[in-house]
Protein backbone atom coordinates (compact mmCIF):
# COMPACT_ATOMS: atom_id res chain seq x y z
CA MET A 1 72.83 0.94 7.64
CA LEU A 2 73.96 3.11 10.50
CA GLN A 3 77.64 3.89 10.26
CA THR A 4 78.42 3.61 13.98
CA THR A 5 77.99 1.08 16.73
CA LYS A 6 76.44 2.03 20.04
CA ARG A 7 76.18 5.79 20.56
CA PRO A 8 74.61 6.52 23.93
CA ASP A 9 74.93 10.25 23.18
CA SER A 10 72.62 9.96 20.18
CA PRO A 11 69.04 10.84 21.13
CA VAL A 12 66.42 8.21 20.35
CA SER A 13 62.92 9.53 19.71
CA ILE A 14 60.08 7.01 19.60
CA ILE A 15 56.60 7.92 18.43
CA GLY A 16 53.72 5.95 19.93
CA ALA A 17 53.56 4.74 23.54
CA GLY A 18 51.46 1.64 22.86
CA ILE A 19 52.91 -1.82 23.30
CA ALA A 20 55.29 -1.58 20.33
CA GLY A 21 56.69 1.81 21.23
CA ALA A 22 56.87 1.06 24.96
CA TRP A 23 59.08 -1.98 24.43
CA GLN A 24 61.30 -0.06 22.02
CA ALA A 25 61.70 2.73 24.56
CA LEU A 26 62.43 0.38 27.45
CA LEU A 27 65.15 -1.64 25.74
CA PHE A 28 66.84 1.43 24.24
CA ALA A 29 66.78 3.25 27.59
CA GLN A 30 68.23 0.23 29.36
CA ALA A 31 71.00 0.12 26.77
CA GLY A 32 72.06 3.65 27.70
CA HIS A 33 70.43 5.70 24.97
CA ALA A 34 68.78 9.06 25.69
CA VAL A 35 65.18 8.07 24.97
CA THR A 36 62.15 10.28 24.53
CA LEU A 37 58.84 8.53 23.96
CA HIS A 38 56.15 10.69 22.34
CA GLU A 39 52.44 9.84 22.60
CA ARG A 40 49.76 12.01 21.00
CA GLY A 41 47.10 10.77 23.46
CA ASP A 42 46.96 11.30 27.18
CA GLU A 43 48.35 9.02 29.86
CA ALA A 44 45.15 6.96 30.05
CA MET A 45 45.90 5.65 26.53
CA THR A 46 42.19 4.97 25.93
CA ASP A 47 42.52 5.70 22.21
CA ALA A 48 45.40 3.26 21.72
CA THR A 49 44.95 -0.15 20.12
CA SER A 50 46.70 -1.62 23.18
CA HIS A 51 43.82 -0.45 25.38
CA TRP A 52 41.52 -2.98 23.71
CA ALA A 53 43.94 -5.89 23.45
CA GLY A 54 43.61 -9.30 25.05
CA GLY A 55 47.24 -9.50 26.16
CA MET A 56 47.66 -13.20 25.40
CA LEU A 57 51.24 -14.47 25.20
CA ALA A 58 50.42 -17.62 23.27
CA PRO A 59 52.97 -18.44 20.54
CA TYR A 60 52.14 -22.14 20.51
CA CYS A 61 48.41 -21.60 20.05
CA GLU A 62 48.99 -18.96 17.40
CA ALA A 63 50.98 -21.48 15.34
CA GLU A 64 47.67 -22.91 14.16
CA VAL A 65 47.05 -19.96 11.83
CA ALA A 66 50.11 -17.68 12.00
CA GLU A 67 53.30 -17.82 9.96
CA PRO A 68 56.40 -19.40 11.55
CA ILE A 69 57.96 -15.96 12.04
CA ILE A 70 55.23 -15.15 14.58
CA SER A 71 56.09 -18.26 16.57
CA ARG A 72 59.80 -17.42 16.45
CA LEU A 73 59.30 -13.85 17.59
CA GLY A 74 56.71 -14.93 20.15
CA LEU A 75 58.94 -17.54 21.77
CA ARG A 76 61.76 -15.03 22.08
CA SER A 77 59.35 -12.48 23.51
CA LEU A 78 58.29 -14.88 26.27
CA GLU A 79 61.89 -14.86 27.49
CA VAL A 80 61.99 -11.05 27.47
CA TRP A 81 58.68 -10.78 29.34
CA ARG A 82 60.01 -13.15 31.99
CA ARG A 83 63.27 -11.21 32.27
CA GLU A 84 61.85 -7.71 32.40
CA LEU A 85 58.54 -8.34 34.19
CA PRO A 86 59.07 -11.49 36.25
CA ASP A 87 55.59 -11.20 37.82
CA THR A 88 53.98 -11.84 34.43
CA PRO A 89 51.51 -14.74 34.86
CA PHE A 90 52.70 -17.82 32.98
CA ASN A 91 49.94 -20.18 34.00
CA GLY A 92 49.51 -21.61 30.52
CA SER A 93 46.39 -21.53 28.38
CA LEU A 94 43.57 -23.93 27.61
CA VAL A 95 41.81 -24.85 24.39
CA VAL A 96 38.36 -26.45 24.62
CA ALA A 97 35.59 -27.33 22.19
CA HIS A 98 31.99 -28.46 22.15
CA PRO A 99 31.14 -31.70 20.28
CA ARG A 100 30.09 -29.90 17.10
CA GLU A 101 33.59 -28.35 16.79
CA ARG A 102 35.33 -31.65 17.48
CA ASN A 103 37.03 -31.84 14.08
CA ASP A 104 38.41 -28.32 14.50
CA PHE A 105 39.68 -29.24 17.95
CA GLU A 106 41.58 -32.26 16.64
CA ARG A 107 42.97 -30.23 13.77
CA PHE A 108 44.17 -27.61 16.25
CA ALA A 109 45.90 -30.33 18.27
CA ARG A 110 47.71 -31.62 15.17
CA MET A 111 48.88 -28.18 14.06
CA THR A 112 50.26 -26.98 17.40
CA GLU A 113 53.04 -28.13 19.72
CA ASP A 114 54.05 -28.10 23.37
CA HIS A 115 50.64 -29.03 24.70
CA ARG A 116 49.26 -31.97 26.58
CA ARG A 117 45.77 -33.36 26.44
CA LEU A 118 43.74 -33.30 29.62
CA ASP A 119 40.76 -35.53 30.25
CA ALA A 120 37.71 -34.19 32.10
CA ALA A 121 39.22 -34.98 35.49
CA GLY A 122 42.52 -33.32 34.59
CA LEU A 123 40.71 -30.22 33.36
CA ALA A 124 38.67 -30.03 36.57
CA GLU A 125 41.83 -30.33 38.65
CA LEU A 126 43.45 -27.48 36.74
CA GLU A 127 40.34 -25.26 36.57
CA PRO A 128 37.71 -26.37 39.11
CA SER A 129 35.13 -23.97 37.65
CA LEU A 130 35.16 -25.99 34.42
CA GLU A 131 34.36 -29.31 36.09
CA GLY A 132 31.86 -31.21 33.99
CA ARG A 133 31.87 -28.62 31.21
CA PHE A 134 34.12 -30.35 28.63
CA ARG A 135 35.24 -33.90 28.10
CA ASP A 136 38.85 -32.89 27.44
CA ALA A 137 41.12 -29.92 26.70
CA LEU A 138 44.53 -28.98 25.36
CA PHE A 139 46.81 -27.41 27.95
CA PHE A 140 49.72 -25.22 26.78
CA PRO A 141 51.77 -24.86 29.99
CA ALA A 142 54.43 -22.44 28.71
CA GLU A 143 52.05 -19.68 27.65
CA GLY A 144 51.03 -16.61 29.62
CA HIS A 145 48.87 -13.53 29.58
CA VAL A 146 48.99 -9.93 30.76
CA GLU A 147 46.33 -7.34 31.44
CA PRO A 148 47.14 -4.58 28.92
CA ARG A 149 45.65 -1.72 30.92
CA ARG A 150 47.83 -2.62 33.89
CA VAL A 151 51.01 -3.76 32.19
CA LEU A 152 51.37 -0.78 29.85
CA PRO A 153 51.66 1.71 32.76
CA GLN A 154 54.17 -0.67 34.34
CA LEU A 155 56.28 -0.56 31.18
CA HIS A 156 56.04 3.24 31.15
CA GLU A 157 57.32 3.33 34.73
CA ARG A 158 60.18 1.01 33.82
CA ILE A 159 61.10 3.37 30.97
CA ARG A 160 61.28 6.32 33.36
CA ALA A 161 63.27 4.26 35.86
CA ALA A 162 65.79 3.47 33.11
CA GLY A 163 66.26 7.18 32.40
CA GLY A 164 63.79 7.62 29.55
CA THR A 165 61.35 10.50 29.15
CA ILE A 166 57.69 10.10 28.17
CA LYS A 167 55.78 13.02 26.69
CA PHE A 168 52.01 12.54 26.50
CA SER A 169 49.81 14.82 24.37
CA SER A 170 52.84 15.18 22.11
CA ASP A 171 51.67 15.03 18.50
CA VAL A 172 54.97 15.12 16.64
CA SER A 173 55.96 13.88 13.21
CA ALA A 174 58.87 11.64 12.31
CA GLY A 175 60.01 14.27 9.84
CA ASP A 176 60.27 16.96 12.48
CA LEU A 177 62.20 14.73 14.87
CA ALA A 178 64.55 13.61 12.09
CA LYS A 179 65.75 17.18 11.55
CA ASP A 180 68.36 16.48 14.21
CA PRO A 181 71.09 14.73 12.15
CA ASP A 182 72.24 12.71 15.15
CA ALA A 183 68.78 11.56 16.18
CA ILE A 184 67.43 8.07 15.74
CA VAL A 185 63.67 8.15 15.15
CA ILE A 186 61.55 5.03 15.63
CA ASP A 187 57.99 5.34 14.35
CA CYS A 188 55.50 3.04 16.15
CA ARG A 189 52.30 4.91 15.32
CA GLY A 190 50.31 1.94 14.03
CA LEU A 191 47.54 3.13 11.72
CA GLY A 192 48.65 6.69 12.33
CA ALA A 193 51.62 5.97 10.07
CA ARG A 194 49.49 5.60 6.93
CA ASP A 195 50.68 9.00 5.80
CA GLU A 196 53.97 7.22 5.01
CA GLN A 197 52.80 3.58 4.84
CA PRO A 198 49.53 3.68 2.89
CA GLU A 199 49.41 -0.12 2.55
CA LEU A 200 48.47 -0.44 6.24
CA ARG A 201 44.89 -1.39 7.02
CA GLY A 202 42.90 -1.67 10.22
CA VAL A 203 41.48 -5.01 11.35
CA LYS A 204 38.82 -4.64 14.02
CA GLY A 205 38.96 -6.69 17.19
CA GLU A 206 35.94 -6.44 19.48
CA MET A 207 35.84 -7.22 23.17
CA ILE A 208 33.42 -7.30 26.07
CA LEU A 209 34.39 -6.92 29.71
CA ILE A 210 32.16 -8.72 32.21
CA GLU A 211 32.20 -9.15 35.99
CA THR A 212 31.24 -12.16 38.06
CA ALA A 213 32.44 -13.81 41.26
CA GLU A 214 30.78 -17.11 40.31
CA VAL A 215 33.62 -18.27 38.03
CA GLN A 216 37.31 -18.48 38.84
CA LEU A 217 39.90 -19.01 36.11
CA ALA A 218 43.68 -18.87 36.40
CA ARG A 219 44.44 -18.79 32.67
CA PRO A 220 42.87 -17.88 29.32
CA VAL A 221 40.40 -20.36 27.83
CA ARG A 222 40.17 -20.51 24.04
CA LEU A 223 36.92 -21.91 22.71
CA MET A 224 36.85 -23.34 19.19
CA HIS A 225 34.42 -21.42 16.99
CA PRO A 226 33.47 -21.83 13.31
CA ARG A 227 34.40 -18.23 12.42
CA TRP A 228 37.15 -17.13 14.79
CA PRO A 229 38.79 -18.22 18.03
CA LEU A 230 36.96 -16.89 21.09
CA TYR A 231 38.72 -16.21 24.36
CA VAL A 232 37.73 -15.90 27.98
CA ILE A 233 40.62 -14.13 29.66
CA PRO A 234 40.67 -13.65 33.46
CA ARG A 235 41.54 -10.26 34.84
CA GLU A 236 41.74 -8.91 38.36
CA ASN A 237 38.74 -8.08 40.57
CA ASN A 238 36.42 -10.78 39.16
CA LEU A 239 36.63 -9.38 35.62
CA PHE A 240 36.82 -11.39 32.42
CA MET A 241 37.56 -10.19 28.92
CA LEU A 242 35.62 -11.85 26.11
CA GLY A 243 37.21 -11.53 22.68
CA ALA A 244 38.27 -11.27 20.11
CA THR A 245 36.74 -10.97 16.71
CA SER A 246 38.82 -10.28 13.62
CA ILE A 247 36.80 -8.27 11.14
CA GLU A 248 38.03 -6.60 7.96
CA THR A 249 36.53 -3.20 8.67
CA GLU A 250 37.70 0.06 10.18
CA ASP A 251 34.43 0.76 11.94
CA THR A 252 35.16 0.95 15.66
CA GLY A 253 31.75 -0.07 17.00
CA VAL A 254 30.71 -3.44 18.40
CA THR A 255 28.11 -5.20 16.26
CA VAL A 256 25.06 -6.94 17.67
CA ARG A 257 26.13 -10.16 15.97
CA SER A 258 29.57 -10.08 17.57
CA ALA A 259 28.16 -9.24 20.98
CA LEU A 260 25.71 -12.14 20.78
CA GLU A 261 28.46 -14.54 19.71
CA LEU A 262 30.90 -13.43 22.40
CA LEU A 263 28.31 -13.51 25.17
CA GLY A 264 26.82 -16.78 23.91
CA ALA A 265 30.25 -18.39 23.79
CA ALA A 266 30.99 -17.30 27.34
CA TYR A 267 27.69 -18.80 28.48
CA THR A 268 28.60 -22.15 26.90
CA VAL A 269 31.93 -22.12 28.69
CA HIS A 270 30.10 -21.66 32.01
CA PRO A 271 26.40 -20.87 32.62
CA ALA A 272 27.30 -18.50 35.45
CA PHE A 273 28.56 -16.06 32.83
CA GLY A 274 24.91 -15.62 31.89
CA GLU A 275 24.39 -13.78 35.17
CA ALA A 276 27.56 -11.70 34.88
CA ARG A 277 27.41 -7.92 34.79
CA ILE A 278 28.48 -6.31 31.51
CA VAL A 279 31.06 -3.66 32.34
CA GLU A 280 32.24 -2.49 28.93
CA PHE A 281 31.98 -2.99 25.18
CA GLY A 282 34.78 -1.83 22.92
CA SER A 283 36.95 -2.46 19.90
CA GLY A 284 40.39 -1.61 18.59
CA LEU A 285 41.84 -1.41 15.10
CA ARG A 286 44.95 -3.52 14.73
CA PRO A 287 47.47 -2.25 12.18
CA ALA A 288 48.21 -4.85 9.52
CA PHE A 289 50.08 -5.06 6.24
CA PRO A 290 48.56 -7.09 3.37
CA ASP A 291 50.44 -10.23 4.47
CA ASN A 292 49.53 -9.73 8.17
CA LEU A 293 53.22 -9.88 9.12
CA PRO A 294 55.23 -7.34 11.12
CA ARG A 295 57.77 -5.15 9.43
CA ILE A 296 60.72 -3.08 10.58
CA GLY A 297 61.50 -0.53 7.87
CA ILE A 298 64.89 1.16 7.79
CA ARG A 299 65.61 4.48 6.11
CA GLY A 300 68.94 5.65 7.43
CA ARG A 301 68.38 6.82 11.00
CA ARG A 302 64.61 6.61 10.63
CA ILE A 303 63.05 3.29 11.55
CA THR A 304 59.42 2.16 11.38
CA VAL A 305 57.97 -0.69 13.44
CA ASN A 306 54.48 -1.61 12.35
CA GLY A 307 52.04 -4.27 11.19
CA LEU A 308 51.87 -6.18 14.46
CA TYR A 309 48.28 -7.15 13.57
CA ARG A 310 46.72 -9.27 16.36
CA HIS A 311 50.09 -10.24 17.87
CA GLY A 312 51.20 -6.96 19.44
CA PHE A 313 51.72 -8.06 23.04
CA LEU A 314 53.16 -11.36 21.87
CA ILE A 315 55.89 -10.08 19.55
CA ALA A 316 56.65 -6.47 20.58
CA PRO A 317 59.58 -7.35 22.91
CA ALA A 318 61.35 -9.38 20.22
CA LEU A 319 60.87 -6.63 17.64
CA ALA A 320 62.43 -4.15 20.07
CA GLU A 321 65.44 -6.42 20.46
CA LEU A 322 65.84 -6.61 16.68
CA THR A 323 65.72 -2.82 16.36
CA LEU A 324 68.25 -2.35 19.14
CA ASN A 325 70.58 -4.96 17.62
CA TYR A 326 70.43 -3.13 14.31
CA VAL A 327 71.17 0.27 15.79
CA GLU A 328 74.03 -0.94 17.97
CA ARG A 329 75.60 -3.66 15.83
CA GLY A 330 74.11 -3.34 12.36
CA GLN A 331 72.44 -6.74 12.59
CA ILE A 332 69.73 -7.40 10.03
CA ASP A 333 66.89 -9.89 10.40
CA ASN A 334 65.91 -10.57 6.82
CA GLU A 335 62.50 -12.00 7.74
CA VAL A 336 61.37 -8.82 9.41
CA MET A 337 63.56 -5.92 8.27
CA GLN A 338 63.41 -4.01 5.01
CA CYS A 339 65.49 -1.09 3.77
CA VAL A 340 63.07 1.45 2.35
């Protein structure tokens, strides 16, 4: 454990400017620490896992398959998103199903909370483009979503505004930064940290970006699927993200099977998606530990934040709060933190 409380004069170096590192940098900078955020890629962040993320802030929906700790961290993170980025869309999210997935739909309803069931008329009122498409839906009003490629630069600007420094194309190691005995080093490299955390693995999530002006959605729509949940997530300028698979492989391509399933699912949500223009295919590798749970590792003044799996945008703010509370007050969250 650190031997002091808050030390604004102690430099804080954070490695990795994706969603985990960005939230760490923002909260530490706002708390008065001298923060430097290092990113080995360039400012476009196209090689980062965050670049390919869906950006769903859906702790209630995730409760169907995730451990309770994800819900706890996710609910806290919603408060931080609202506080720090009040323009974040919190329009809720929808879950729908075709008749053949009816049993899965009812199971989902039983295993999740804070939703209300909409009949066909209620769904059409909420999302006119879905009129006549489904006989009912689950509406989770407290959930939100962000567009990762827009919100990450916003977080970077907030870091600079709070006095932090961001260095792109800065390929540094935690060991080099830790040579300063007063420095606090927070490693948020994701899969890049396997040199010190070999148990990490990559889980591929594929996505397709399409464009159409024929469909208007105000919130993500989750379609029940026999293999994985499929999402249609609205973005600006008539764009929609289709995702996301969860495949135990570290290949970064998009398979034909996945593309067919994602595009076919979108078509069943609304036939107009069949005429949409495909803008982009891509995939990202999510860093995960064997139990798929996040972990904050503590080794003196070196801290690792990793294993966010498919919940990065959902839980990163809460993890940053936990790290800051540890550094400033020595608080330990036994569900997430480990001394290594």
